[in-house]
């Protein structure tokens, strides 16, 4: 059973991991010029949508994180969530710069993003973790497909770098999710699998032209996402 002390230590470890990510991005920026990136025209609308999902001030998430930290006696959790939000905002900034370099502006509204943001306003800490974990699993499926599909070397580098962050994020959220809903809680994880499959179908509908570079069908994508979720249940990725 996880003790409060071991959990606090783990949260501190996550703070260091996020700090390391920031240093890696600083190194990345020295050799990356968004102005030179050539995006495939067919991918631009899709990238605009995911750029919007990365872009958030995180006010609601910070409120929920404070509730979670207070309820579970994890004061450092709020700081790490702030770091997480910063990484998502960094992704949004890089994607925005690349989009503008290709002559298009970021979106300000999109229906799937609006639904997800609305859901986040209605839920508490535990369900918020489920939503975050679902979003990160989808992000890994998407950015791994986008990196494979992109022909421009700099674009591929950017998407692979974002993918590295998303892998860290899924590990972080799964660690806290399994603390709240251990694998023995079969009903909760079954509901999560069903919700994840539904989200995957929606994302496939809008982004199949990108996702098909890695997945031959929506069913293969759902299997991949379920495999990631199974790994999250054991927090071994």
C-alpha atoms as a PDB file:
ATOM      1  CA  UNK A   1       0.000   0.000   0.000  1.00  0.00           C
ATOM      2  CA  UNK A   2       1.375   3.441  -0.891  1.00  0.00           C
ATOM      3  CA  UNK A   3       2.198   5.531   2.150  1.00  0.00           C
ATOM      4  CA  UNK A   4       1.818   9.299   2.387  1.00  0.00           C
ATOM      5  CA  UNK A   5       5.589   9.636   2.651  1.00  0.00           C
ATOM      6  CA  UNK A   6       6.333   7.537  -0.427  1.00  0.00           C
ATOM      7  CA  UNK A   7       3.640   9.421  -2.376  1.00  0.00           C
ATOM      8  CA  UNK A   8       5.098  12.788  -1.380  1.00  0.00           C
ATOM      9  CA  UNK A   9       8.528  11.622  -2.474  1.00  0.00           C
ATOM     10  CA  UNK A  10       7.088  10.437  -5.786  1.00  0.00           C
ATOM     11  CA  UNK A  11       5.454  13.832  -6.358  1.00  0.00           C
ATOM     12  CA  UNK A  12       8.797  15.526  -5.720  1.00  0.00           C
ATOM     13  CA  UNK A  13      10.378  13.172  -8.239  1.00  0.00           C
ATOM     14  CA  UNK A  14       7.778  14.258 -10.782  1.00  0.00           C
ATOM     15  CA  UNK A  15       8.633  17.896 -10.149  1.00  0.00           C
ATOM     16  CA  UNK A  16      12.248  17.105 -11.040  1.00  0.00           C
ATOM     17  CA  UNK A  17      11.169  15.231 -14.175  1.00  0.00           C
ATOM     18  CA  UNK A  18       9.141  18.183 -15.371  1.00  0.00           C
ATOM     19  CA  UNK A  19      12.070  20.487 -14.635  1.00  0.00           C
ATOM     20  CA  UNK A  20      14.289  18.186 -16.719  1.00  0.00           C
ATOM     21  CA  UNK A  21      11.769  18.430 -19.548  1.00  0.00           C
ATOM     22  CA  UNK A  22      12.058  22.208 -19.463  1.00  0.00           C
ATOM     23  CA  UNK A  23      15.837  21.944 -19.840  1.00  0.00           C
ATOM     24  CA  UNK A  24      15.430  19.558 -22.765  1.00  0.00           C
ATOM     25  CA  UNK A  25      13.113  22.041 -24.481  1.00  0.00           C
ATOM     26  CA  UNK A  26      15.667  24.780 -23.976  1.00  0.00           C
ATOM     27  CA  UNK A  27      18.227  22.614 -25.753  1.00  0.00           C
ATOM     28  CA  UNK A  28      15.687  21.763 -28.461  1.00  0.00           C
ATOM     29  CA  UNK A  29      14.997  25.451 -29.119  1.00  0.00           C
ATOM     30  CA  UNK A  30      18.636  26.127 -29.990  1.00  0.00           C
ATOM     31  CA  UNK A  31      18.385  23.957 -33.118  1.00  0.00           C
ATOM     32  CA  UNK A  32      14.727  24.445 -34.049  1.00  0.00           C
ATOM     33  CA  UNK A  33      13.394  27.241 -36.249  1.00  0.00           C
ATOM     34  CA  UNK A  34       9.613  27.220 -36.659  1.00  0.00           C
ATOM     35  CA  UNK A  35       9.892  29.503 -39.692  1.00  0.00           C
ATOM     36  CA  UNK A  36      11.514  26.706 -41.717  1.00  0.00           C
ATOM     37  CA  UNK A  37       8.905  24.023 -40.985  1.00  0.00           C
ATOM     38  CA  UNK A  38       6.807  22.918 -43.946  1.00  0.00           C
ATOM     39  CA  UNK A  39       3.562  21.267 -42.899  1.00  0.00           C
ATOM     40  CA  UNK A  40       1.598  19.008 -45.208  1.00  0.00           C
ATOM     41  CA  UNK A  41      -1.455  20.973 -46.299  1.00  0.00           C
ATOM     42  CA  UNK A  42      -3.780  18.037 -45.569  1.00  0.00           C
ATOM     43  CA  UNK A  43      -2.629  17.976 -41.937  1.00  0.00           C
ATOM     44  CA  UNK A  44      -3.034  21.666 -41.087  1.00  0.00           C
ATOM     45  CA  UNK A  45      -6.664  21.592 -39.927  1.00  0.00           C
ATOM     46  CA  UNK A  46      -5.923  18.568 -37.764  1.00  0.00           C
ATOM     47  CA  UNK A  47      -2.893  20.250 -36.196  1.00  0.00           C
ATOM     48  CA  UNK A  48      -4.968  23.380 -35.574  1.00  0.00           C
ATOM     49  CA  UNK A  49      -7.443  21.297 -33.575  1.00  0.00           C
ATOM     50  CA  UNK A  50      -4.779  19.661 -31.420  1.00  0.00           C
ATOM     51  CA  UNK A  51      -3.038  23.003 -30.928  1.00  0.00           C
ATOM     52  CA  UNK A  52      -6.280  24.289 -29.440  1.00  0.00           C
ATOM     53  CA  UNK A  53      -6.543  21.322 -27.073  1.00  0.00           C
ATOM     54  CA  UNK A  54      -3.035  22.057 -25.773  1.00  0.00           C
ATOM     55  CA  UNK A  55      -3.882  25.702 -25.153  1.00  0.00           C
ATOM     56  CA  UNK A  56      -5.419  26.408 -21.766  1.00  0.00           C
ATOM     57  CA  UNK A  57      -4.800  28.735 -18.855  1.00  0.00           C
ATOM     58  CA  UNK A  58      -5.584  25.805 -16.589  1.00  0.00           C
ATOM     59  CA  UNK A  59      -7.678  27.720 -14.067  1.00  0.00           C
ATOM     60  CA  UNK A  60     -10.199  24.922 -13.591  1.00  0.00           C
ATOM     61  CA  UNK A  61      -7.483  22.287 -13.454  1.00  0.00           C
ATOM     62  CA  UNK A  62      -5.616  24.259 -10.785  1.00  0.00           C
ATOM     63  CA  UNK A  63      -8.785  24.525  -8.717  1.00  0.00           C
ATOM     64  CA  UNK A  64      -9.358  20.776  -8.944  1.00  0.00           C
ATOM     65  CA  UNK A  65      -5.667  20.064  -8.232  1.00  0.00           C
ATOM     66  CA  UNK A  66      -5.895  22.064  -4.998  1.00  0.00           C
ATOM     67  CA  UNK A  67      -8.966  20.065  -3.974  1.00  0.00           C
ATOM     68  CA  UNK A  68      -7.162  16.814  -4.771  1.00  0.00           C
ATOM     69  CA  UNK A  69      -4.011  17.891  -2.908  1.00  0.00           C
ATOM     70  CA  UNK A  70      -6.005  18.854   0.176  1.00  0.00           C
ATOM     71  CA  UNK A  71      -8.142  15.712   0.163  1.00  0.00           C
ATOM     72  CA  UNK A  72      -5.188  13.334  -0.254  1.00  0.00           C
ATOM     73  CA  UNK A  73      -2.567  15.289   1.712  1.00  0.00           C
ATOM     74  CA  UNK A  74      -0.286  15.847  -1.286  1.00  0.00           C
ATOM     75  CA  UNK A  75       0.674  19.552  -1.162  1.00  0.00           C
ATOM     76  CA  UNK A  76       3.390  19.227  -3.825  1.00  0.00           C
ATOM     77  CA  UNK A  77       0.816  17.990  -6.329  1.00  0.00           C
ATOM     78  CA  UNK A  78      -0.360  21.543  -7.070  1.00  0.00           C
ATOM     79  CA  UNK A  79       3.150  22.608  -8.066  1.00  0.00           C
ATOM     80  CA  UNK A  80       3.549  19.628 -10.405  1.00  0.00           C
ATOM     81  CA  UNK A  81       0.170  20.287 -12.027  1.00  0.00           C
ATOM     82  CA  UNK A  82       1.326  23.848 -12.642  1.00  0.00           C
ATOM     83  CA  UNK A  83       4.406  22.420 -14.375  1.00  0.00           C
ATOM     84  CA  UNK A  84       2.174  20.095 -16.410  1.00  0.00           C
ATOM     85  CA  UNK A  85       0.017  23.014 -17.545  1.00  0.00           C
ATOM     86  CA  UNK A  86       3.183  24.881 -18.519  1.00  0.00           C
ATOM     87  CA  UNK A  87       4.254  21.980 -20.734  1.00  0.00           C
ATOM     88  CA  UNK A  88       0.882  21.857 -22.465  1.00  0.00           C
ATOM     89  CA  UNK A  89       1.095  25.610 -23.054  1.00  0.00           C
ATOM     90  CA  UNK A  90       4.584  25.157 -24.480  1.00  0.00           C
ATOM     91  CA  UNK A  91       3.243  22.613 -26.960  1.00  0.00           C
ATOM     92  CA  UNK A  92       0.494  25.062 -27.941  1.00  0.00           C
ATOM     93  CA  UNK A  93       3.051  27.832 -28.438  1.00  0.00           C
ATOM     94  CA  UNK A  94       5.319  25.755 -30.684  1.00  0.00           C
ATOM     95  CA  UNK A  95       2.392  24.479 -32.729  1.00  0.00           C
ATOM     96  CA  UNK A  96       1.039  28.018 -33.049  1.00  0.00           C
ATOM     97  CA  UNK A  97       4.384  29.284 -34.344  1.00  0.00           C
ATOM     98  CA  UNK A  98       4.591  26.457 -36.870  1.00  0.00           C
ATOM     99  CA  UNK A  99       1.033  27.065 -38.061  1.00  0.00           C
ATOM    100  CA  UNK A 100       1.651  30.793 -38.502  1.00  0.00           C
ATOM    101  CA  UNK A 101       4.848  30.033 -40.397  1.00  0.00           C
ATOM    102  CA  UNK A 102       2.657  28.091 -42.815  1.00  0.00           C
ATOM    103  CA  UNK A 103       0.279  30.976 -43.279  1.00  0.00           C
ATOM    104  CA  UNK A 104      -2.577  29.870 -41.015  1.00  0.00           C
ATOM    105  CA  UNK A 105      -3.804  31.068 -37.634  1.00  0.00           C
ATOM    106  CA  UNK A 106      -4.634  28.863 -34.662  1.00  0.00           C
ATOM    107  CA  UNK A 107      -8.282  28.069 -34.046  1.00  0.00           C
ATOM    108  CA  UNK A 108     -10.218  29.802 -31.300  1.00  0.00           C
ATOM    109  CA  UNK A 109     -13.032  27.249 -31.094  1.00  0.00           C
ATOM    110  CA  UNK A 110     -13.693  23.666 -32.198  1.00  0.00           C
ATOM    111  CA  UNK A 111     -16.562  21.371 -31.236  1.00  0.00           C
ATOM    112  CA  UNK A 112     -14.676  18.441 -29.689  1.00  0.00           C
ATOM    113  CA  UNK A 113     -12.454  20.798 -27.702  1.00  0.00           C
ATOM    114  CA  UNK A 114     -15.514  22.723 -26.491  1.00  0.00           C
ATOM    115  CA  UNK A 115     -17.158  19.510 -25.253  1.00  0.00           C
ATOM    116  CA  UNK A 116     -14.025  18.416 -23.397  1.00  0.00           C
ATOM    117  CA  UNK A 117     -13.613  21.838 -21.762  1.00  0.00           C
ATOM    118  CA  UNK A 118     -17.260  21.839 -20.719  1.00  0.00           C
ATOM    119  CA  UNK A 119     -16.909  18.394 -19.133  1.00  0.00           C
ATOM    120  CA  UNK A 120     -13.903  19.546 -17.133  1.00  0.00           C
ATOM    121  CA  UNK A 121     -15.997  22.312 -15.578  1.00  0.00           C
ATOM    122  CA  UNK A 122     -18.510  19.790 -14.251  1.00  0.00           C
ATOM    123  CA  UNK A 123     -16.301  17.182 -12.585  1.00  0.00           C
ATOM    124  CA  UNK A 124     -14.293  16.723  -9.430  1.00  0.00           C
ATOM    125  CA  UNK A 125     -10.673  15.621  -8.940  1.00  0.00           C
ATOM    126  CA  UNK A 126     -11.126  11.889  -9.518  1.00  0.00           C
ATOM    127  CA  UNK A 127     -13.092  12.216 -12.775  1.00  0.00           C
ATOM    128  CA  UNK A 128     -10.743  14.996 -13.894  1.00  0.00           C
ATOM    129  CA  UNK A 129      -7.857  12.528 -13.609  1.00  0.00           C
ATOM    130  CA  UNK A 130      -9.765  10.098 -15.812  1.00  0.00           C
ATOM    131  CA  UNK A 131     -10.312  12.815 -18.414  1.00  0.00           C
ATOM    132  CA  UNK A 132      -6.647  13.817 -18.329  1.00  0.00           C
ATOM    133  CA  UNK A 133      -5.504  10.222 -18.689  1.00  0.00           C
ATOM    134  CA  UNK A 134      -7.849   9.697 -21.630  1.00  0.00           C
ATOM    135  CA  UNK A 135      -6.589  12.879 -23.297  1.00  0.00           C
ATOM    136  CA  UNK A 136      -2.945  11.834 -22.896  1.00  0.00           C
ATOM    137  CA  UNK A 137      -3.570   8.367 -24.337  1.00  0.00           C
ATOM    138  CA  UNK A 138      -5.240   9.930 -27.371  1.00  0.00           C
ATOM    139  CA  UNK A 139      -2.380  12.436 -27.668  1.00  0.00           C
ATOM    140  CA  UNK A 140       0.190   9.642 -27.793  1.00  0.00           C
ATOM    141  CA  UNK A 141      -1.764   7.886 -30.541  1.00  0.00           C
ATOM    142  CA  UNK A 142      -2.078  11.151 -32.459  1.00  0.00           C
ATOM    143  CA  UNK A 143       1.447  12.579 -32.191  1.00  0.00           C
ATOM    144  CA  UNK A 144       3.063   9.226 -32.929  1.00  0.00           C
ATOM    145  CA  UNK A 145       0.939   9.076 -36.098  1.00  0.00           C
ATOM    146  CA  UNK A 146       1.695  12.691 -37.001  1.00  0.00           C
ATOM    147  CA  UNK A 147       5.441  12.190 -36.539  1.00  0.00           C
ATOM    148  CA  UNK A 148       5.309   9.129 -38.792  1.00  0.00           C
ATOM    149  CA  UNK A 149       3.239  10.952 -41.425  1.00  0.00           C
ATOM    150  CA  UNK A 150       5.313  14.148 -41.589  1.00  0.00           C
ATOM    151  CA  UNK A 151       7.885  14.488 -44.346  1.00  0.00           C
ATOM    152  CA  UNK A 152       9.569  17.647 -43.101  1.00  0.00           C
ATOM    153  CA  UNK A 153      12.474  16.714 -40.759  1.00  0.00           C
ATOM    154  CA  UNK A 154      11.920  19.691 -38.464  1.00  0.00           C
ATOM    155  CA  UNK A 155       8.204  19.003 -38.190  1.00  0.00           C
ATOM    156  CA  UNK A 156       8.955  15.376 -37.358  1.00  0.00           C
ATOM    157  CA  UNK A 157      11.420  16.496 -34.670  1.00  0.00           C
ATOM    158  CA  UNK A 158       8.811  18.761 -33.084  1.00  0.00           C
ATOM    159  CA  UNK A 159       6.096  16.112 -33.012  1.00  0.00           C
ATOM    160  CA  UNK A 160       8.483  13.522 -31.599  1.00  0.00           C
ATOM    161  CA  UNK A 161       9.564  15.990 -28.900  1.00  0.00           C
ATOM    162  CA  UNK A 162       5.939  16.650 -27.946  1.00  0.00           C
ATOM    163  CA  UNK A 163       5.384  12.886 -27.907  1.00  0.00           C
ATOM    164  CA  UNK A 164       8.165  12.505 -25.328  1.00  0.00           C
ATOM    165  CA  UNK A 165       6.333  14.923 -23.045  1.00  0.00           C
ATOM    166  CA  UNK A 166       3.019  13.155 -23.530  1.00  0.00           C
ATOM    167  CA  UNK A 167       4.657   9.888 -22.456  1.00  0.00           C
ATOM    168  CA  UNK A 168       5.769  11.579 -19.234  1.00  0.00           C
ATOM    169  CA  UNK A 169       2.288  12.989 -18.732  1.00  0.00           C
ATOM    170  CA  UNK A 170       0.573   9.632 -19.082  1.00  0.00           C
ATOM    171  CA  UNK A 171       2.935   8.095 -16.540  1.00  0.00           C
ATOM    172  CA  UNK A 172       2.293  10.955 -14.121  1.00  0.00           C
ATOM    173  CA  UNK A 173      -1.500  10.847 -14.379  1.00  0.00           C
ATOM    174  CA  UNK A 174      -1.684   7.043 -14.327  1.00  0.00           C
ATOM    175  CA  UNK A 175       0.335   6.907 -11.107  1.00  0.00           C
ATOM    176  CA  UNK A 176      -2.199   9.126  -9.364  1.00  0.00           C
ATOM    177  CA  UNK A 177      -5.180   7.502 -11.048  1.00  0.00           C
ATOM    178  CA  UNK A 178      -4.236   4.004  -9.897  1.00  0.00           C
ATOM    179  CA  UNK A 179      -3.800   5.314  -6.363  1.00  0.00           C
ATOM    180  CA  UNK A 180      -7.465   6.349  -6.447  1.00  0.00           C
ATOM    181  CA  UNK A 181      -8.815   3.461  -8.534  1.00  0.00           C
ATOM    182  CA  UNK A 182      -6.652   0.342  -8.140  1.00  0.00           C
ATOM    183  CA  UNK A 183      -6.894  -2.311 -10.872  1.00  0.00           C
ATOM    184  CA  UNK A 184      -9.108  -4.370  -8.556  1.00  0.00           C
ATOM    185  CA  UNK A 185     -11.800  -1.732  -9.062  1.00  0.00           C
ATOM    186  CA  UNK A 186     -12.922  -3.452 -12.255  1.00  0.00           C
ATOM    187  CA  UNK A 187     -16.133  -1.497 -12.789  1.00  0.00           C
ATOM    188  CA  UNK A 188     -14.427   1.872 -12.760  1.00  0.00           C
ATOM    189  CA  UNK A 189     -11.741   0.773 -15.212  1.00  0.00           C
ATOM    190  CA  UNK A 190     -14.361  -0.862 -17.443  1.00  0.00           C
ATOM    191  CA  UNK A 191     -16.244   2.433 -17.620  1.00  0.00           C
ATOM    192  CA  UNK A 192     -12.944   4.140 -18.421  1.00  0.00           C
ATOM    193  CA  UNK A 193     -12.294   1.693 -21.274  1.00  0.00           C
ATOM    194  CA  UNK A 194     -15.740   2.320 -22.751  1.00  0.00           C
ATOM    195  CA  UNK A 195     -15.278   6.101 -22.545  1.00  0.00           C
ATOM    196  CA  UNK A 196     -11.801   5.831 -24.061  1.00  0.00           C
ATOM    197  CA  UNK A 197     -13.160   3.800 -26.982  1.00  0.00           C
ATOM    198  CA  UNK A 198     -15.899   6.366 -27.614  1.00  0.00           C
ATOM    199  CA  UNK A 199     -13.379   9.220 -27.581  1.00  0.00           C
ATOM    200  CA  UNK A 200     -11.105   7.274 -29.944  1.00  0.00           C
ATOM    201  CA  UNK A 201     -13.991   6.850 -32.395  1.00  0.00           C
ATOM    202  CA  UNK A 202     -14.718  10.599 -32.323  1.00  0.00           C
ATOM    203  CA  UNK A 203     -11.048  11.491 -32.820  1.00  0.00           C
ATOM    204  CA  UNK A 204     -10.712   8.941 -35.628  1.00  0.00           C
ATOM    205  CA  UNK A 205     -13.679  10.509 -37.399  1.00  0.00           C
ATOM    206  CA  UNK A 206     -12.009  13.941 -37.471  1.00  0.00           C
ATOM    207  CA  UNK A 207      -8.357  12.907 -37.842  1.00  0.00           C
ATOM    208  CA  UNK A 208      -8.355   9.627 -39.769  1.00  0.00           C
ATOM    209  CA  UNK A 209      -6.165  11.142 -42.531  1.00  0.00           C
ATOM    210  CA  UNK A 210      -3.380  11.507 -39.941  1.00  0.00           C
ATOM    211  CA  UNK A 211      -4.061   8.499 -37.730  1.00  0.00           C
ATOM    212  CA  UNK A 212      -4.186   6.121 -40.699  1.00  0.00           C
ATOM    213  CA  UNK A 213      -0.423   6.521 -41.095  1.00  0.00           C
ATOM    214  CA  UNK A 214      -0.104   4.365 -37.987  1.00  0.00           C
ATOM    215  CA  UNK A 215      -3.443   2.590 -37.573  1.00  0.00           C
ATOM    216  CA  UNK A 216      -5.178   0.621 -40.317  1.00  0.00           C
ATOM    217  CA  UNK A 217      -8.600   1.122 -38.740  1.00  0.00           C
ATOM    218  CA  UNK A 218     -10.374   2.692 -35.797  1.00  0.00           C
ATOM    219  CA  UNK A 219     -10.474  -0.770 -34.201  1.00  0.00           C
ATOM    220  CA  UNK A 220      -6.693  -1.006 -34.268  1.00  0.00           C
ATOM    221  CA  UNK A 221      -6.474   2.440 -32.705  1.00  0.00           C
ATOM    222  CA  UNK A 222      -8.904   1.420 -29.946  1.00  0.00           C
ATOM    223  CA  UNK A 223      -6.857  -1.720 -29.244  1.00  0.00           C
ATOM    224  CA  UNK A 224      -3.700   0.393 -29.031  1.00  0.00           C
ATOM    225  CA  UNK A 225      -5.347   2.853 -26.638  1.00  0.00           C
ATOM    226  CA  UNK A 226      -6.674   0.000 -24.508  1.00  0.00           C
ATOM    227  CA  UNK A 227      -3.193  -1.491 -24.335  1.00  0.00           C
ATOM    228  CA  UNK A 228      -1.862   1.820 -23.051  1.00  0.00           C
ATOM    229  CA  UNK A 229      -4.660   1.981 -20.491  1.00  0.00           C
ATOM    230  CA  UNK A 230      -3.838  -1.548 -19.307  1.00  0.00           C
ATOM    231  CA  UNK A 231      -0.234  -0.446 -18.808  1.00  0.00           C
ATOM    232  CA  UNK A 232      -1.470   2.603 -16.938  1.00  0.00           C
ATOM    233  CA  UNK A 233      -3.357   0.324 -14.560  1.00  0.00           C
ATOM    234  CA  UNK A 234      -0.044  -1.221 -13.558  1.00  0.00           C
ATOM    235  CA  UNK A 235       1.792   2.141 -13.934  1.00  0.00           C
ATOM    236  CA  UNK A 236       4.432   0.356 -16.010  1.00  0.00           C
ATOM    237  CA  UNK A 237       4.944   1.944 -19.420  1.00  0.00           C
END
